[in-house]
Amino acid sequence: MSRLPTGQPETGQIGIFWWWKGKLLAATNPVEDGELAGGKVDSKLAHVKTWPVLQKRHRGLRLLDYEEVPRGEWR
């Protein structure tokens, strides 16, 4: 999985995120690693595949489905 942001990224980033307990939980990739879809660069990451990794890192997420936490795409 991609890194979680620790501050301002050095290069443009795209990815996916959740907003949980006032915190941004995100997985990102450099824009250059994205794929062109519908005239836009999109992340290759998927919420459903990334969620189990976040559940391991954040114990409070373990009983929640990825759709129960507000989520979105970050471009």
N, C-alpha and C. Protein backbone atom coordinates (compact mmCIF):
# COMPACT_ATOMS: atom_id res chain seq x y z
N MET A 1 0.84 -1.17 0.00
CA MET A 1 0.00 0.00 0.00
C MET A 1 0.88 1.23 0.00
N SER A 2 0.35 2.31 -0.48
CA SER A 2 1.07 3.57 -0.51
C SER A 2 1.19 4.14 0.89
N ARG A 3 2.02 5.14 0.97
CA ARG A 3 2.24 5.77 2.27
C ARG A 3 1.06 6.62 2.69
N LEU A 4 0.92 6.80 3.98
CA LEU A 4 -0.03 7.75 4.50
C LEU A 4 0.68 9.09 4.57
N PRO A 5 0.01 10.18 4.19
CA PRO A 5 0.70 11.47 4.18
C PRO A 5 1.12 11.91 5.58
N THR A 6 2.31 12.47 5.67
CA THR A 6 2.82 12.97 6.95
C THR A 6 2.93 14.48 6.95
N GLY A 7 2.57 15.10 5.91
CA GLY A 7 2.66 16.55 5.78
C GLY A 7 2.37 16.91 4.34
N GLN A 8 2.94 17.98 3.89
CA GLN A 8 2.76 18.41 2.51
C GLN A 8 3.56 17.51 1.58
N PRO A 9 2.91 16.86 0.61
CA PRO A 9 3.67 15.99 -0.31
C PRO A 9 4.63 16.81 -1.16
N GLU A 10 5.75 16.20 -1.53
CA GLU A 10 6.74 16.87 -2.37
C GLU A 10 6.29 16.93 -3.82
N THR A 11 5.52 15.94 -4.25
CA THR A 11 5.00 15.92 -5.61
C THR A 11 3.48 15.80 -5.55
N GLY A 12 2.82 16.06 -6.66
CA GLY A 12 1.38 15.90 -6.70
C GLY A 12 0.98 14.47 -6.36
N GLN A 13 -0.08 14.31 -5.59
CA GLN A 13 -0.53 13.00 -5.15
C GLN A 13 -1.99 12.78 -5.53
N ILE A 14 -2.32 11.54 -5.81
CA ILE A 14 -3.71 11.13 -6.01
C ILE A 14 -3.93 9.90 -5.15
N GLY A 15 -5.15 9.65 -4.77
CA GLY A 15 -5.40 8.47 -3.96
C GLY A 15 -6.82 8.44 -3.44
N ILE A 16 -6.97 7.73 -2.34
CA ILE A 16 -8.27 7.56 -1.71
C ILE A 16 -8.16 7.93 -0.25
N PHE A 17 -9.31 8.25 0.36
CA PHE A 17 -9.25 8.64 1.77
C PHE A 17 -10.55 8.32 2.48
N TRP A 18 -10.43 8.34 3.79
CA TRP A 18 -11.57 8.26 4.72
C TRP A 18 -11.40 9.36 5.73
N TRP A 19 -12.51 9.86 6.28
CA TRP A 19 -12.50 10.84 7.36
C TRP A 19 -13.06 10.13 8.58
N TRP A 20 -12.20 9.94 9.60
CA TRP A 20 -12.59 9.16 10.77
C TRP A 20 -12.10 9.84 12.04
N LYS A 21 -13.05 10.13 12.93
CA LYS A 21 -12.75 10.76 14.22
C LYS A 21 -11.88 12.01 14.08
N GLY A 22 -12.23 12.83 13.11
CA GLY A 22 -11.51 14.09 12.90
C GLY A 22 -10.14 13.94 12.25
N LYS A 23 -9.85 12.77 11.71
CA LYS A 23 -8.56 12.52 11.08
C LYS A 23 -8.74 12.06 9.64
N LEU A 24 -7.81 12.50 8.80
CA LEU A 24 -7.78 12.05 7.42
C LEU A 24 -6.93 10.79 7.35
N LEU A 25 -7.52 9.71 6.90
CA LEU A 25 -6.80 8.46 6.66
C LEU A 25 -6.72 8.29 5.15
N ALA A 26 -5.52 8.26 4.61
CA ALA A 26 -5.39 8.26 3.15
C ALA A 26 -4.30 7.32 2.68
N ALA A 27 -4.47 6.86 1.47
CA ALA A 27 -3.44 6.11 0.76
C ALA A 27 -3.23 6.85 -0.56
N THR A 28 -2.00 7.19 -0.86
CA THR A 28 -1.72 8.01 -2.05
C THR A 28 -0.61 7.42 -2.89
N ASN A 29 -0.59 7.89 -4.12
CA ASN A 29 0.47 7.61 -5.07
C ASN A 29 0.81 8.91 -5.78
N PRO A 30 2.04 9.03 -6.31
CA PRO A 30 2.35 10.20 -7.14
C PRO A 30 1.43 10.22 -8.36
N VAL A 31 1.09 11.40 -8.81
CA VAL A 31 0.22 11.56 -9.98
C VAL A 31 0.77 10.76 -11.16
N GLU A 32 2.09 10.72 -11.30
CA GLU A 32 2.70 10.01 -12.41
C GLU A 32 2.36 8.52 -12.42
N ASP A 33 2.00 7.96 -11.28
CA ASP A 33 1.66 6.54 -11.19
C ASP A 33 0.18 6.26 -11.45
N GLY A 34 -0.60 7.31 -11.70
CA GLY A 34 -2.03 7.14 -11.94
C GLY A 34 -2.31 6.61 -13.33
N GLU A 35 -3.60 6.45 -13.60
CA GLU A 35 -4.01 5.98 -14.92
C GLU A 35 -5.04 6.94 -15.48
N LEU A 36 -5.01 7.12 -16.78
CA LEU A 36 -5.94 8.01 -17.45
C LEU A 36 -7.29 7.32 -17.58
N ALA A 37 -8.34 7.97 -17.06
CA ALA A 37 -9.69 7.41 -17.11
C ALA A 37 -10.67 8.56 -17.33
N GLY A 38 -11.39 8.53 -18.40
CA GLY A 38 -12.38 9.57 -18.68
C GLY A 38 -11.78 10.95 -18.80
N GLY A 39 -10.58 11.04 -19.33
CA GLY A 39 -9.93 12.33 -19.51
C GLY A 39 -9.28 12.89 -18.25
N LYS A 40 -9.25 12.11 -17.18
CA LYS A 40 -8.64 12.53 -15.91
C LYS A 40 -7.66 11.47 -15.44
N VAL A 41 -6.70 11.90 -14.64
CA VAL A 41 -5.79 10.94 -14.02
C VAL A 41 -6.44 10.43 -12.75
N ASP A 42 -6.53 9.12 -12.61
CA ASP A 42 -7.18 8.51 -11.47
C ASP A 42 -6.20 7.59 -10.75
N SER A 43 -6.43 7.41 -9.48
CA SER A 43 -5.61 6.51 -8.69
C SER A 43 -5.94 5.06 -9.02
N LYS A 44 -4.95 4.20 -8.95
CA LYS A 44 -5.17 2.77 -9.16
C LYS A 44 -5.60 2.09 -7.87
N LEU A 45 -5.58 2.83 -6.76
CA LEU A 45 -5.96 2.26 -5.46
C LEU A 45 -7.47 2.08 -5.37
N ALA A 46 -7.90 1.09 -4.63
CA ALA A 46 -9.32 0.82 -4.44
C ALA A 46 -9.65 0.81 -2.95
N HIS A 47 -10.76 1.44 -2.59
CA HIS A 47 -11.17 1.48 -1.19
C HIS A 47 -11.29 0.08 -0.58
N VAL A 48 -11.94 -0.80 -1.29
CA VAL A 48 -12.21 -2.14 -0.75
C VAL A 48 -10.92 -2.93 -0.52
N LYS A 49 -9.90 -2.72 -1.32
CA LYS A 49 -8.64 -3.44 -1.16
C LYS A 49 -7.73 -2.77 -0.12
N THR A 50 -7.84 -1.47 0.04
CA THR A 50 -7.00 -0.73 0.98
C THR A 50 -7.53 -0.81 2.40
N TRP A 51 -8.83 -0.95 2.55
CA TRP A 51 -9.48 -0.95 3.87
C TRP A 51 -8.86 -1.95 4.86
N PRO A 52 -8.61 -3.20 4.49
CA PRO A 52 -8.03 -4.15 5.45
C PRO A 52 -6.68 -3.70 6.01
N VAL A 53 -5.89 -3.01 5.21
CA VAL A 53 -4.60 -2.50 5.67
C VAL A 53 -4.82 -1.43 6.74
N LEU A 54 -5.77 -0.53 6.50
CA LEU A 54 -6.08 0.51 7.49
C LEU A 54 -6.65 -0.10 8.76
N GLN A 55 -7.45 -1.14 8.63
CA GLN A 55 -8.01 -1.80 9.80
C GLN A 55 -6.91 -2.38 10.69
N LYS A 56 -5.85 -2.87 10.10
CA LYS A 56 -4.73 -3.39 10.88
C LYS A 56 -3.99 -2.28 11.62
N ARG A 57 -3.93 -1.10 11.01
CA ARG A 57 -3.21 0.04 11.61
C ARG A 57 -4.03 0.77 12.66
N HIS A 58 -5.36 0.72 12.54
CA HIS A 58 -6.26 1.47 13.43
C HIS A 58 -7.28 0.50 14.02
N ARG A 59 -7.04 0.10 15.23
CA ARG A 59 -7.87 -0.93 15.88
C ARG A 59 -9.36 -0.57 15.89
N GLY A 60 -9.69 0.71 16.02
CA GLY A 60 -11.08 1.14 16.06
C GLY A 60 -11.85 0.90 14.77
N LEU A 61 -11.15 0.63 13.69
CA LEU A 61 -11.80 0.39 12.39
C LEU A 61 -12.13 -1.08 12.17
N ARG A 62 -11.64 -1.95 13.00
CA ARG A 62 -11.72 -3.39 12.74
C ARG A 62 -13.14 -3.94 12.66
N LEU A 63 -14.07 -3.34 13.34
CA LEU A 63 -15.45 -3.82 13.31
C LEU A 63 -16.32 -3.07 12.31
N LEU A 64 -15.72 -2.15 11.55
CA LEU A 64 -16.47 -1.33 10.60
C LEU A 64 -16.18 -1.76 9.17
N ASP A 65 -17.20 -1.65 8.32
CA ASP A 65 -17.03 -1.87 6.90
C ASP A 65 -16.53 -0.57 6.27
N TYR A 66 -15.79 -0.66 5.19
CA TYR A 66 -15.23 0.55 4.58
C TYR A 66 -16.31 1.54 4.15
N GLU A 67 -17.53 1.09 3.92
CA GLU A 67 -18.61 1.99 3.52
C GLU A 67 -19.25 2.71 4.71
N GLU A 68 -18.92 2.32 5.93
CA GLU A 68 -19.49 2.95 7.12
C GLU A 68 -18.76 4.22 7.54
N VAL A 69 -17.61 4.48 6.96
CA VAL A 69 -16.80 5.66 7.28
C VAL A 69 -16.80 6.55 6.06
N PRO A 70 -17.05 7.87 6.19
CA PRO A 70 -17.06 8.75 5.01
C PRO A 70 -15.75 8.61 4.22
N ARG A 71 -15.88 8.48 2.90
CA ARG A 71 -14.72 8.23 2.06
C ARG A 71 -14.81 9.02 0.77
N GLY A 72 -13.74 9.03 0.05
CA GLY A 72 -13.73 9.73 -1.23
C GLY A 72 -12.43 9.56 -1.96
N GLU A 73 -12.30 10.32 -3.04
CA GLU A 73 -11.09 10.29 -3.83
C GLU A 73 -10.39 11.62 -3.69
N TRP A 74 -9.10 11.59 -3.74
CA TRP A 74 -8.27 12.77 -3.53
C TRP A 74 -7.44 13.00 -4.78
N ARG A 75 -7.67 14.14 -5.42
CA ARG A 75 -6.95 14.46 -6.67
C ARG A 75 -6.34 15.83 -6.57
